[in-house]
N, C-alpha and C. Protein backbone atom coordinates (compact mmCIF):
# COMPACT_ATOMS: atom_id res chain seq x y z
N UNK A 1 0.82 -1.15 0.01
CA UNK A 1 0.04 -0.02 -0.05
C UNK A 1 0.81 1.24 0.00
N UNK A 2 1.97 1.17 0.81
CA UNK A 2 2.86 2.31 0.88
C UNK A 2 3.58 2.55 -0.48
N UNK A 3 3.89 1.43 -1.02
CA UNK A 3 4.58 1.42 -2.32
C UNK A 3 3.68 2.09 -3.43
N UNK A 4 2.39 1.73 -3.37
CA UNK A 4 1.43 2.30 -4.37
C UNK A 4 1.29 3.83 -4.17
N UNK A 5 1.27 4.28 -2.86
CA UNK A 5 1.08 5.68 -2.68
C UNK A 5 2.39 6.42 -3.13
N UNK A 6 3.54 5.86 -2.80
CA UNK A 6 4.92 6.42 -3.26
C UNK A 6 4.87 6.47 -4.78
N UNK A 7 4.50 5.46 -5.47
CA UNK A 7 4.47 5.35 -6.88
C UNK A 7 3.48 6.48 -7.55
N UNK A 8 2.41 6.67 -7.03
CA UNK A 8 1.40 7.70 -7.30
C UNK A 8 2.01 9.11 -7.09
N UNK A 9 2.69 9.34 -6.02
CA UNK A 9 3.33 10.63 -5.70
C UNK A 9 4.38 10.85 -6.75
N UNK A 10 5.20 9.84 -7.02
CA UNK A 10 6.21 10.04 -7.99
C UNK A 10 5.63 10.35 -9.44
N UNK A 11 4.60 9.63 -9.80
CA UNK A 11 3.94 9.99 -11.08
C UNK A 11 3.37 11.30 -11.22
N UNK A 12 2.79 11.80 -10.16
CA UNK A 12 2.26 13.24 -10.20
C UNK A 12 3.30 14.22 -10.18
N UNK A 13 4.49 13.94 -9.44
CA UNK A 13 5.50 14.95 -9.38
C UNK A 13 6.33 15.00 -10.83
N UNK A 14 6.40 13.75 -11.50
CA UNK A 14 7.03 13.77 -12.73
C UNK A 14 6.02 14.44 -13.69
N UNK A 15 4.74 14.44 -13.68
CA UNK A 15 3.81 15.09 -14.50
C UNK A 15 3.97 16.56 -14.27
N UNK A 16 4.09 17.01 -13.10
CA UNK A 16 4.17 18.47 -12.77
C UNK A 16 5.52 18.89 -13.32
N UNK A 17 6.55 18.10 -13.22
CA UNK A 17 7.94 18.54 -13.80
C UNK A 17 7.82 18.68 -15.31
N UNK A 18 7.24 17.68 -15.94
CA UNK A 18 7.18 17.76 -17.40
C UNK A 18 6.29 19.00 -17.78
N UNK A 19 5.15 19.24 -17.06
CA UNK A 19 4.28 20.43 -17.36
C UNK A 19 5.08 21.65 -17.27
N UNK A 20 5.95 21.85 -16.16
CA UNK A 20 6.57 23.05 -16.00
C UNK A 20 7.71 23.20 -17.07
N UNK A 21 8.29 22.09 -17.50
CA UNK A 21 9.33 22.26 -18.50
C UNK A 21 8.72 22.62 -19.79
N UNK A 22 7.53 22.06 -20.17
CA UNK A 22 6.73 22.34 -21.33
C UNK A 22 6.38 23.85 -21.29
N UNK A 23 6.00 24.27 -20.20
CA UNK A 23 5.57 25.75 -20.16
C UNK A 23 6.80 26.64 -20.39
N UNK A 24 8.07 26.28 -19.88
CA UNK A 24 9.14 27.12 -20.22
C UNK A 24 9.52 27.08 -21.63
N UNK A 25 9.35 25.93 -22.28
CA UNK A 25 9.70 25.77 -23.66
C UNK A 25 8.68 26.62 -24.49
N UNK A 26 7.39 26.55 -24.15
CA UNK A 26 6.33 27.42 -24.76
C UNK A 26 6.59 28.82 -24.57
N UNK A 27 7.15 29.31 -23.38
CA UNK A 27 7.46 30.70 -23.20
C UNK A 27 8.66 31.02 -24.04
N UNK A 28 9.50 30.20 -24.38
CA UNK A 28 10.61 30.58 -25.23
C UNK A 28 10.02 30.65 -26.67
N UNK A 29 9.11 29.95 -27.07
CA UNK A 29 8.46 30.13 -28.37
C UNK A 29 7.72 31.40 -28.54
N UNK A 30 7.17 31.79 -27.36
CA UNK A 30 6.41 33.04 -27.27
C UNK A 30 7.42 34.28 -27.48
N UNK A 31 8.61 34.14 -26.92
CA UNK A 31 9.62 35.19 -27.18
C UNK A 31 10.08 35.18 -28.63
N UNK A 32 10.18 33.95 -29.19
CA UNK A 32 10.55 33.94 -30.67
C UNK A 32 9.50 34.62 -31.52
N UNK A 33 8.14 34.42 -31.16
CA UNK A 33 7.14 35.01 -31.99
C UNK A 33 7.16 36.57 -31.86
N UNK A 34 7.53 37.16 -30.54
CA UNK A 34 7.70 38.46 -30.40
C UNK A 34 8.84 39.01 -31.19
N UNK A 35 9.93 38.23 -31.27
CA UNK A 35 11.14 38.65 -32.00
C UNK A 35 10.68 38.75 -33.49
N UNK A 36 9.91 37.71 -34.09
CA UNK A 36 9.46 37.85 -35.44
C UNK A 36 8.69 38.98 -35.68
N UNK A 37 7.76 39.39 -34.74
CA UNK A 37 7.01 40.63 -34.99
C UNK A 37 7.88 41.92 -35.02
N UNK A 38 8.88 41.98 -34.22
CA UNK A 38 9.82 43.06 -34.28
C UNK A 38 10.62 43.09 -35.61
N UNK A 39 11.07 42.08 -36.02
CA UNK A 39 11.81 41.88 -37.30
C UNK A 39 10.95 42.27 -38.46
N UNK A 40 9.59 41.84 -38.31
CA UNK A 40 8.70 42.28 -39.42
C UNK A 40 8.51 43.75 -39.41
N UNK A 41 8.35 44.37 -38.27
CA UNK A 41 8.19 45.82 -38.22
C UNK A 41 9.45 46.54 -38.80
N UNK A 42 10.72 45.88 -38.58
CA UNK A 42 11.88 46.46 -39.09
C UNK A 42 12.12 46.35 -40.58
N UNK A 43 11.20 45.51 -41.20
CA UNK A 43 11.20 45.39 -42.58
C UNK A 43 12.18 44.30 -43.04
N UNK A 44 12.37 43.30 -42.31
CA UNK A 44 13.21 42.21 -42.70
C UNK A 44 12.48 41.36 -43.78
N UNK A 45 13.21 40.34 -44.37
CA UNK A 45 12.67 39.66 -45.37
C UNK A 45 11.36 38.82 -44.94
N UNK A 46 10.22 38.99 -45.60
CA UNK A 46 9.00 38.32 -45.30
C UNK A 46 9.11 36.81 -45.46
N UNK A 47 9.83 36.37 -46.46
CA UNK A 47 9.96 35.01 -46.66
C UNK A 47 10.55 34.23 -45.53
N UNK A 48 11.56 34.84 -45.06
CA UNK A 48 12.30 34.26 -43.82
C UNK A 48 11.36 34.31 -42.56
N UNK A 49 10.56 35.23 -42.45
CA UNK A 49 9.65 35.53 -41.35
C UNK A 49 8.58 34.33 -41.40
N UNK A 50 8.04 34.15 -42.60
CA UNK A 50 7.03 33.05 -42.78
C UNK A 50 7.70 31.67 -42.56
N UNK A 51 8.84 31.37 -42.93
CA UNK A 51 9.44 30.17 -42.66
C UNK A 51 9.74 29.93 -41.11
N UNK A 52 10.06 30.92 -40.57
CA UNK A 52 10.31 30.77 -39.06
C UNK A 52 8.95 30.59 -38.33
N UNK A 53 7.95 31.34 -38.81
CA UNK A 53 6.59 31.17 -38.23
C UNK A 53 6.14 29.74 -38.44
N UNK A 54 6.45 29.12 -39.62
CA UNK A 54 5.96 27.69 -39.79
C UNK A 54 6.65 26.80 -38.89
N UNK A 55 8.01 26.96 -38.70
CA UNK A 55 8.77 26.26 -37.74
C UNK A 55 8.19 26.36 -36.29
N UNK A 56 7.84 27.45 -35.84
CA UNK A 56 7.18 27.69 -34.59
C UNK A 56 5.95 26.98 -34.44
N UNK A 57 5.12 27.11 -35.50
CA UNK A 57 3.82 26.48 -35.50
C UNK A 57 3.94 24.88 -35.51
N UNK A 58 4.94 24.34 -36.23
CA UNK A 58 5.13 22.82 -36.01
C UNK A 58 5.54 22.47 -34.62
N UNK A 59 6.48 23.27 -33.98
CA UNK A 59 6.89 23.01 -32.64
C UNK A 59 5.64 23.14 -31.73
N UNK A 60 4.84 24.11 -31.93
CA UNK A 60 3.62 24.09 -31.13
C UNK A 60 2.67 22.90 -31.23
N UNK A 61 2.50 22.51 -32.44
CA UNK A 61 1.74 21.30 -32.74
C UNK A 61 2.31 20.06 -32.03
N UNK A 62 3.65 19.88 -32.02
CA UNK A 62 4.33 18.82 -31.28
C UNK A 62 4.07 18.93 -29.89
N UNK A 63 4.25 20.11 -29.26
CA UNK A 63 4.16 20.20 -27.90
C UNK A 63 2.61 19.93 -27.42
N UNK A 64 1.68 20.45 -28.30
CA UNK A 64 0.27 20.16 -28.02
C UNK A 64 -0.02 18.76 -28.15
N UNK A 65 0.61 18.04 -29.03
CA UNK A 65 0.29 16.61 -29.12
C UNK A 65 0.84 15.91 -27.93
N UNK A 66 1.98 16.33 -27.41
CA UNK A 66 2.61 15.76 -26.24
C UNK A 66 1.62 15.94 -25.05
N UNK A 67 1.14 17.06 -24.99
CA UNK A 67 0.26 17.42 -23.78
C UNK A 67 -1.10 16.84 -23.93
N UNK A 68 -1.58 16.73 -25.15
CA UNK A 68 -3.05 16.37 -25.30
C UNK A 68 -3.84 17.64 -25.56
N UNK A 69 -4.71 17.59 -26.57
CA UNK A 69 -5.34 18.74 -26.89
C UNK A 69 -6.39 19.05 -25.81
N UNK A 70 -6.47 20.32 -25.40
CA UNK A 70 -7.33 20.65 -24.28
C UNK A 70 -8.78 20.67 -24.81
N UNK A 71 -9.79 20.31 -23.95
CA UNK A 71 -11.10 20.56 -24.32
C UNK A 71 -11.61 21.89 -24.11
N UNK A 72 -12.26 22.64 -24.97
CA UNK A 72 -12.58 23.93 -24.82
C UNK A 72 -13.44 24.31 -23.57
N UNK A 73 -14.33 23.39 -23.17
CA UNK A 73 -15.16 23.63 -22.03
C UNK A 73 -14.48 23.25 -20.70
N UNK A 74 -13.30 22.72 -20.76
CA UNK A 74 -12.53 22.32 -19.57
C UNK A 74 -12.01 23.57 -18.90
N UNK A 75 -12.45 23.74 -17.62
CA UNK A 75 -11.98 24.95 -16.86
C UNK A 75 -10.61 24.72 -16.19
N UNK A 76 -10.19 23.69 -16.21
CA UNK A 76 -8.90 23.26 -15.48
C UNK A 76 -7.72 23.18 -16.45
N UNK A 77 -7.56 24.24 -17.26
CA UNK A 77 -6.37 24.36 -18.15
C UNK A 77 -5.09 24.62 -17.33
N UNK A 78 -4.08 23.90 -17.73
CA UNK A 78 -2.84 24.06 -17.02
C UNK A 78 -2.13 25.28 -17.58
N UNK A 79 -0.99 25.76 -17.01
CA UNK A 79 -0.27 26.91 -17.46
C UNK A 79 0.32 26.67 -18.89
N UNK A 80 0.76 25.51 -19.17
CA UNK A 80 1.29 25.21 -20.51
C UNK A 80 0.19 25.25 -21.48
N UNK A 81 -0.99 24.76 -21.21
CA UNK A 81 -2.06 24.80 -22.20
C UNK A 81 -2.45 26.25 -22.53
N UNK A 82 -2.46 27.00 -21.50
CA UNK A 82 -2.71 28.58 -21.58
C UNK A 82 -1.64 29.29 -22.44
N UNK A 83 -0.38 28.82 -22.13
CA UNK A 83 0.74 29.38 -22.88
C UNK A 83 0.76 29.02 -24.36
N UNK A 84 0.29 27.79 -24.74
CA UNK A 84 0.24 27.28 -26.04
C UNK A 84 -0.82 28.11 -26.75
N UNK A 85 -1.99 28.30 -26.18
CA UNK A 85 -3.02 29.09 -26.77
C UNK A 85 -2.66 30.54 -27.01
N UNK A 86 -1.94 31.14 -26.03
CA UNK A 86 -1.46 32.57 -26.18
C UNK A 86 -0.48 32.62 -27.41
N UNK A 87 0.45 31.68 -27.51
CA UNK A 87 1.44 31.68 -28.60
C UNK A 87 0.72 31.52 -29.89
N UNK A 88 -0.34 30.61 -29.92
CA UNK A 88 -1.02 30.32 -31.14
C UNK A 88 -1.77 31.62 -31.68
N UNK A 89 -2.43 32.40 -30.69
CA UNK A 89 -3.06 33.52 -31.06
C UNK A 89 -2.14 34.63 -31.57
N UNK A 90 -0.93 34.77 -30.96
CA UNK A 90 0.01 35.77 -31.47
C UNK A 90 0.71 35.39 -32.76
N UNK A 91 0.87 34.10 -32.94
CA UNK A 91 1.38 33.58 -34.27
C UNK A 91 0.41 33.89 -35.40
N UNK A 92 -0.93 33.55 -35.13
CA UNK A 92 -1.96 33.74 -36.10
C UNK A 92 -2.04 35.35 -36.49
N UNK A 93 -1.94 36.12 -35.50
CA UNK A 93 -1.93 37.53 -35.82
C UNK A 93 -0.87 37.96 -36.60
N UNK A 94 0.38 37.41 -36.32
CA UNK A 94 1.56 37.72 -37.10
C UNK A 94 1.29 37.25 -38.62
N UNK A 95 0.81 35.98 -38.75
CA UNK A 95 0.64 35.48 -40.11
C UNK A 95 -0.42 36.38 -40.86
N UNK A 96 -1.43 36.83 -40.24
CA UNK A 96 -2.39 37.65 -40.76
C UNK A 96 -1.71 39.03 -41.36
N UNK A 97 -0.90 39.48 -40.50
CA UNK A 97 -0.06 40.82 -40.89
C UNK A 97 0.72 40.54 -42.13
N UNK A 98 1.44 39.46 -42.19
CA UNK A 98 2.46 39.23 -43.20
C UNK A 98 1.55 38.83 -44.45
N UNK A 99 0.37 38.06 -44.30
CA UNK A 99 -0.44 37.78 -45.43
C UNK A 99 -1.08 39.10 -46.10
N UNK A 100 -1.56 39.86 -45.20
CA UNK A 100 -2.13 41.17 -45.71
C UNK A 100 -1.25 42.02 -46.40
N UNK A 101 0.05 42.05 -45.91
CA UNK A 101 1.06 42.84 -46.43
C UNK A 101 1.57 42.29 -47.90
N UNK A 102 1.61 40.92 -48.02
CA UNK A 102 2.22 40.34 -49.20
C UNK A 102 1.22 39.74 -50.24
N UNK A 103 -0.09 39.74 -49.90
CA UNK A 103 -1.02 39.00 -50.75
C UNK A 103 -1.91 40.04 -51.42
N UNK A 104 -1.33 40.88 -52.35
CA UNK A 104 -2.15 41.87 -53.11
C UNK A 104 -2.49 41.37 -54.41
N UNK A 105 -2.11 40.27 -54.86
CA UNK A 105 -2.38 39.71 -56.23
C UNK A 105 -1.38 38.97 -56.91
N UNK A 106 -1.63 38.38 -58.03
CA UNK A 106 -0.71 37.57 -58.78
C UNK A 106 -0.63 38.09 -60.31
N UNK A 107 0.56 38.05 -60.74
CA UNK A 107 0.84 38.41 -62.08
C UNK A 107 1.16 37.00 -62.83
N UNK A 108 0.51 36.79 -63.88
CA UNK A 108 0.62 35.62 -64.66
C UNK A 108 1.04 36.00 -66.14
N UNK A 109 2.07 35.26 -66.52
CA UNK A 109 2.63 35.57 -67.85
C UNK A 109 2.40 34.26 -68.62
N UNK A 110 1.78 34.30 -69.84
CA UNK A 110 1.42 33.12 -70.64
C UNK A 110 1.91 33.36 -71.96
N UNK A 111 2.80 32.44 -72.44
CA UNK A 111 3.23 32.55 -73.79
C UNK A 111 2.28 31.81 -74.84
N UNK A 112 1.84 32.54 -75.74
CA UNK A 112 0.91 32.08 -76.73
C UNK A 112 1.66 31.35 -77.81
N UNK A 113 1.50 29.96 -77.98
CA UNK A 113 2.39 29.33 -78.95
C UNK A 113 1.82 29.46 -80.34
N UNK A 114 0.57 29.94 -80.55
CA UNK A 114 -0.06 30.07 -81.78
C UNK A 114 0.46 31.30 -82.62
N UNK A 115 0.94 32.23 -81.88
CA UNK A 115 1.46 33.44 -82.53
C UNK A 115 2.93 33.30 -83.06
N UNK A 116 3.14 33.96 -84.21
CA UNK A 116 4.36 33.85 -84.82
C UNK A 116 5.42 34.52 -84.05
N UNK A 117 5.03 35.71 -83.45
CA UNK A 117 5.93 36.57 -82.79
C UNK A 117 6.05 36.19 -81.29
N UNK A 118 5.39 35.12 -80.98
CA UNK A 118 5.34 34.64 -79.51
C UNK A 118 4.89 35.81 -78.58
N UNK A 119 3.57 36.10 -78.79
CA UNK A 119 2.96 37.10 -77.96
C UNK A 119 2.80 36.65 -76.54
N UNK A 120 2.96 37.51 -75.63
CA UNK A 120 2.98 37.21 -74.17
C UNK A 120 1.73 37.82 -73.59
N UNK A 121 0.73 37.04 -72.97
CA UNK A 121 -0.36 37.60 -72.32
C UNK A 121 -0.06 37.86 -70.89
N UNK A 122 -0.38 38.99 -70.52
CA UNK A 122 -0.05 39.37 -69.11
C UNK A 122 -1.47 39.51 -68.43
N UNK A 123 -1.74 38.84 -67.42
CA UNK A 123 -2.95 38.88 -66.65
C UNK A 123 -2.58 39.23 -65.20
N UNK A 124 -3.42 40.04 -64.60
CA UNK A 124 -3.27 40.37 -63.07
C UNK A 124 -4.51 39.98 -62.48
N UNK A 125 -4.41 39.14 -61.47
CA UNK A 125 -5.51 38.66 -60.52
C UNK A 125 -5.33 39.40 -59.26
N UNK A 126 -6.41 40.15 -58.87
CA UNK A 126 -6.35 40.83 -57.69
C UNK A 126 -6.54 39.84 -56.49
N UNK A 127 -5.89 40.19 -55.49
CA UNK A 127 -5.85 39.39 -54.22
C UNK A 127 -7.03 39.53 -53.37
N UNK A 128 -7.77 40.55 -53.62
CA UNK A 128 -8.95 40.84 -52.74
C UNK A 128 -10.26 40.99 -53.52
């Protein structure tokens, strides 16, 4: 009986330790998102910012999978679950800023093979 209690205490303490470590990792990802927002405002390359945002998103999915997806009506969210949710919202806001800035439309060039002088058709498709 004492062994069972000791085993349960060790299991709960290990769970709390993993949750604390995960919260620290997610906090580091939050800082990375803030750094990406600053570099976006400073006018750095949008392509690199998008790639780094995708990497952070993949790391968040991995940590969320480790933790288990929280149920929306569950009132007992842990600190790491709340931190993951906060980072996801910040990352989505950054992605929307980058998308709004860079998605104004597409230019398509099409070579017409029927024409003798190789006429090029230029079409512009509006992004909004």
